[in-house]
């Protein structure tokens, strides 16, 4: 077990940024993209889940982001 906390930090940051309705909602209720409307829908949750999975895969597996200590 190492002290590699970067994957956890990246996961938390992506989770917060991709929360539907916080920064943006894709698709929005009236437009394709709405910003800071604090609302959500089922399709918006699904799209944000796909985006989260894609970004976390790119950052953690493809690029191999990590920090080791000690």
N, C-alpha and C. Protein backbone atom coordinates (compact mmCIF):
# COMPACT_ATOMS: atom_id res chain seq x y z
N UNK A 1 0.83 -1.18 0.00
CA UNK A 1 0.00 0.00 0.00
C UNK A 1 0.88 1.24 0.00
N UNK A 2 0.64 2.10 -0.97
CA UNK A 2 1.43 3.30 -1.06
C UNK A 2 0.65 4.53 -0.63
N UNK A 3 1.29 5.64 -0.72
CA UNK A 3 0.64 6.90 -0.38
C UNK A 3 0.21 7.63 -1.64
N UNK A 4 -0.26 6.91 -2.61
CA UNK A 4 -0.65 7.50 -3.88
C UNK A 4 -2.09 8.00 -3.79
N UNK A 5 -2.26 9.29 -3.55
CA UNK A 5 -3.58 9.88 -3.36
C UNK A 5 -4.10 10.59 -4.59
N UNK A 6 -3.31 10.72 -5.61
CA UNK A 6 -3.72 11.48 -6.80
C UNK A 6 -4.94 10.87 -7.48
N UNK A 7 -5.05 9.55 -7.66
CA UNK A 7 -6.27 9.02 -8.28
C UNK A 7 -7.54 9.37 -7.51
N UNK A 8 -7.46 9.40 -6.20
CA UNK A 8 -8.62 9.76 -5.39
C UNK A 8 -8.97 11.23 -5.60
N UNK A 9 -7.96 12.10 -5.60
CA UNK A 9 -8.19 13.53 -5.80
C UNK A 9 -8.77 13.80 -7.18
N UNK A 10 -8.23 13.15 -8.20
CA UNK A 10 -8.75 13.32 -9.56
C UNK A 10 -10.20 12.85 -9.63
N UNK A 11 -10.52 11.73 -9.01
CA UNK A 11 -11.89 11.22 -9.00
C UNK A 11 -12.85 12.18 -8.31
N UNK A 12 -12.45 12.74 -7.18
CA UNK A 12 -13.31 13.68 -6.45
C UNK A 12 -13.51 14.96 -7.25
N UNK A 13 -12.43 15.50 -7.83
CA UNK A 13 -12.55 16.73 -8.61
C UNK A 13 -13.45 16.52 -9.83
N UNK A 14 -13.27 15.42 -10.54
CA UNK A 14 -14.13 15.15 -11.69
C UNK A 14 -15.58 14.95 -11.27
N UNK A 15 -15.79 14.28 -10.15
CA UNK A 15 -17.16 14.06 -9.66
C UNK A 15 -17.84 15.39 -9.38
N UNK A 16 -17.14 16.30 -8.71
CA UNK A 16 -17.73 17.59 -8.38
C UNK A 16 -17.96 18.42 -9.64
N UNK A 17 -16.97 18.46 -10.53
CA UNK A 17 -17.10 19.27 -11.74
C UNK A 17 -18.17 18.75 -12.69
N UNK A 18 -18.35 17.43 -12.72
CA UNK A 18 -19.30 16.85 -13.66
C UNK A 18 -20.68 16.58 -13.04
N UNK A 19 -20.92 17.10 -11.84
CA UNK A 19 -22.24 16.95 -11.24
C UNK A 19 -23.25 17.69 -12.11
N UNK A 20 -24.28 17.00 -12.60
CA UNK A 20 -25.23 17.64 -13.51
C UNK A 20 -25.87 18.88 -12.88
N UNK A 21 -25.81 19.99 -13.60
CA UNK A 21 -26.44 21.22 -13.16
C UNK A 21 -25.54 22.13 -12.35
N UNK A 22 -24.41 21.64 -11.85
CA UNK A 22 -23.53 22.50 -11.05
C UNK A 22 -22.82 23.52 -11.93
N UNK A 23 -22.01 23.06 -12.86
CA UNK A 23 -21.35 23.96 -13.81
C UNK A 23 -22.11 24.02 -15.12
N UNK A 24 -22.52 22.85 -15.60
CA UNK A 24 -23.27 22.79 -16.85
C UNK A 24 -24.17 21.57 -16.83
N UNK A 25 -25.18 21.59 -17.70
CA UNK A 25 -26.05 20.45 -17.88
C UNK A 25 -26.11 20.15 -19.36
N UNK A 26 -25.81 18.93 -19.71
CA UNK A 26 -25.76 18.50 -21.11
C UNK A 26 -26.63 17.27 -21.27
N UNK A 27 -27.72 17.21 -21.95
CA UNK A 27 -28.46 18.30 -22.56
C UNK A 27 -29.28 19.03 -21.51
N UNK A 28 -29.51 20.30 -21.76
CA UNK A 28 -30.32 21.11 -20.85
C UNK A 28 -31.80 20.86 -21.06
N UNK A 29 -32.60 21.49 -20.27
CA UNK A 29 -34.05 21.33 -20.41
C UNK A 29 -34.61 22.12 -21.59
N UNK A 30 -34.04 23.31 -21.86
CA UNK A 30 -34.54 24.14 -22.95
C UNK A 30 -33.54 24.31 -24.08
N UNK A 31 -32.25 24.14 -23.78
CA UNK A 31 -31.19 24.27 -24.79
C UNK A 31 -30.30 23.04 -24.73
N UNK A 32 -29.38 22.95 -25.69
CA UNK A 32 -28.47 21.80 -25.71
C UNK A 32 -27.56 21.80 -24.49
N UNK A 33 -27.05 22.96 -24.11
CA UNK A 33 -26.19 23.08 -22.93
C UNK A 33 -26.68 24.27 -22.11
N UNK A 34 -26.91 24.03 -20.83
CA UNK A 34 -27.28 25.10 -19.92
C UNK A 34 -26.23 25.17 -18.82
N UNK A 35 -25.93 26.37 -18.36
CA UNK A 35 -24.88 26.57 -17.37
C UNK A 35 -25.48 26.98 -16.03
N UNK A 36 -25.01 26.33 -14.97
CA UNK A 36 -25.35 26.66 -13.58
C UNK A 36 -26.84 26.79 -13.34
N UNK A 37 -27.62 25.82 -13.81
CA UNK A 37 -29.07 25.90 -13.61
C UNK A 37 -29.53 25.09 -12.39
N UNK A 38 -28.63 24.30 -11.79
CA UNK A 38 -28.92 23.51 -10.59
C UNK A 38 -30.12 22.58 -10.75
N UNK A 39 -30.34 22.08 -11.97
CA UNK A 39 -31.37 21.09 -12.24
C UNK A 39 -30.72 19.92 -12.95
N UNK A 40 -31.42 18.82 -13.02
CA UNK A 40 -30.87 17.65 -13.69
C UNK A 40 -32.00 16.82 -14.31
N UNK A 41 -31.60 15.86 -15.12
CA UNK A 41 -32.54 14.92 -15.72
C UNK A 41 -31.83 13.58 -15.85
N UNK A 42 -32.57 12.57 -16.17
CA UNK A 42 -31.98 11.23 -16.30
C UNK A 42 -30.95 11.15 -17.41
N UNK A 43 -31.23 11.74 -18.55
CA UNK A 43 -30.30 11.71 -19.68
C UNK A 43 -29.04 12.52 -19.36
N UNK A 44 -29.20 13.60 -18.61
CA UNK A 44 -28.06 14.40 -18.21
C UNK A 44 -27.14 13.62 -17.26
N UNK A 45 -27.73 12.87 -16.34
CA UNK A 45 -26.95 12.02 -15.44
C UNK A 45 -26.20 10.96 -16.23
N UNK A 46 -26.87 10.36 -17.20
CA UNK A 46 -26.24 9.33 -18.03
C UNK A 46 -25.05 9.89 -18.82
N UNK A 47 -25.23 11.05 -19.44
CA UNK A 47 -24.15 11.66 -20.23
C UNK A 47 -22.98 12.04 -19.33
N UNK A 48 -23.26 12.60 -18.15
CA UNK A 48 -22.18 12.96 -17.24
C UNK A 48 -21.46 11.72 -16.71
N UNK A 49 -22.16 10.61 -16.56
CA UNK A 49 -21.51 9.37 -16.15
C UNK A 49 -20.55 8.89 -17.23
N UNK A 50 -20.97 8.95 -18.48
CA UNK A 50 -20.09 8.56 -19.59
C UNK A 50 -18.87 9.48 -19.66
N UNK A 51 -19.08 10.79 -19.50
CA UNK A 51 -17.96 11.74 -19.49
C UNK A 51 -17.00 11.45 -18.34
N UNK A 52 -17.54 11.19 -17.14
CA UNK A 52 -16.71 10.88 -15.98
C UNK A 52 -15.87 9.65 -16.25
N UNK A 53 -16.48 8.59 -16.74
CA UNK A 53 -15.75 7.36 -17.04
C UNK A 53 -14.64 7.61 -18.07
N UNK A 54 -14.96 8.38 -19.11
CA UNK A 54 -13.95 8.68 -20.13
C UNK A 54 -12.78 9.47 -19.58
N UNK A 55 -13.07 10.52 -18.81
CA UNK A 55 -11.99 11.34 -18.25
C UNK A 55 -11.16 10.59 -17.23
N UNK A 56 -11.80 9.82 -16.36
CA UNK A 56 -11.05 9.07 -15.34
C UNK A 56 -10.18 8.00 -16.00
N UNK A 57 -10.67 7.41 -17.08
CA UNK A 57 -9.88 6.44 -17.82
C UNK A 57 -8.67 7.10 -18.47
N UNK A 58 -8.88 8.25 -19.07
CA UNK A 58 -7.76 8.96 -19.71
C UNK A 58 -6.71 9.35 -18.68
N UNK A 59 -7.14 9.95 -17.57
CA UNK A 59 -6.19 10.44 -16.59
C UNK A 59 -5.46 9.32 -15.85
N UNK A 60 -6.16 8.28 -15.45
CA UNK A 60 -5.56 7.26 -14.60
C UNK A 60 -4.90 6.11 -15.36
N UNK A 61 -5.46 5.74 -16.48
CA UNK A 61 -4.92 4.58 -17.19
C UNK A 61 -4.06 4.99 -18.38
N UNK A 62 -4.60 5.82 -19.25
CA UNK A 62 -3.86 6.17 -20.47
C UNK A 62 -2.65 7.05 -20.17
N UNK A 63 -2.82 8.07 -19.34
CA UNK A 63 -1.71 8.97 -19.03
C UNK A 63 -0.90 8.43 -17.85
N UNK A 64 -1.54 7.72 -16.94
CA UNK A 64 -0.85 7.14 -15.81
C UNK A 64 -0.46 8.19 -14.76
N UNK A 65 -1.36 9.08 -14.44
CA UNK A 65 -1.09 10.12 -13.46
C UNK A 65 -0.93 9.48 -12.08
N UNK A 66 0.18 9.76 -11.44
CA UNK A 66 0.40 9.29 -10.06
C UNK A 66 1.53 10.08 -9.43
N UNK A 67 1.52 10.12 -8.13
CA UNK A 67 2.60 10.74 -7.37
C UNK A 67 3.01 9.74 -6.31
N UNK A 68 4.27 9.49 -6.21
CA UNK A 68 4.77 8.58 -5.18
C UNK A 68 5.54 9.39 -4.16
N UNK A 69 5.50 8.96 -2.94
CA UNK A 69 6.23 9.65 -1.88
C UNK A 69 7.11 8.66 -1.15
N UNK A 70 8.18 9.16 -0.61
CA UNK A 70 9.06 8.32 0.21
C UNK A 70 10.12 7.77 -0.60
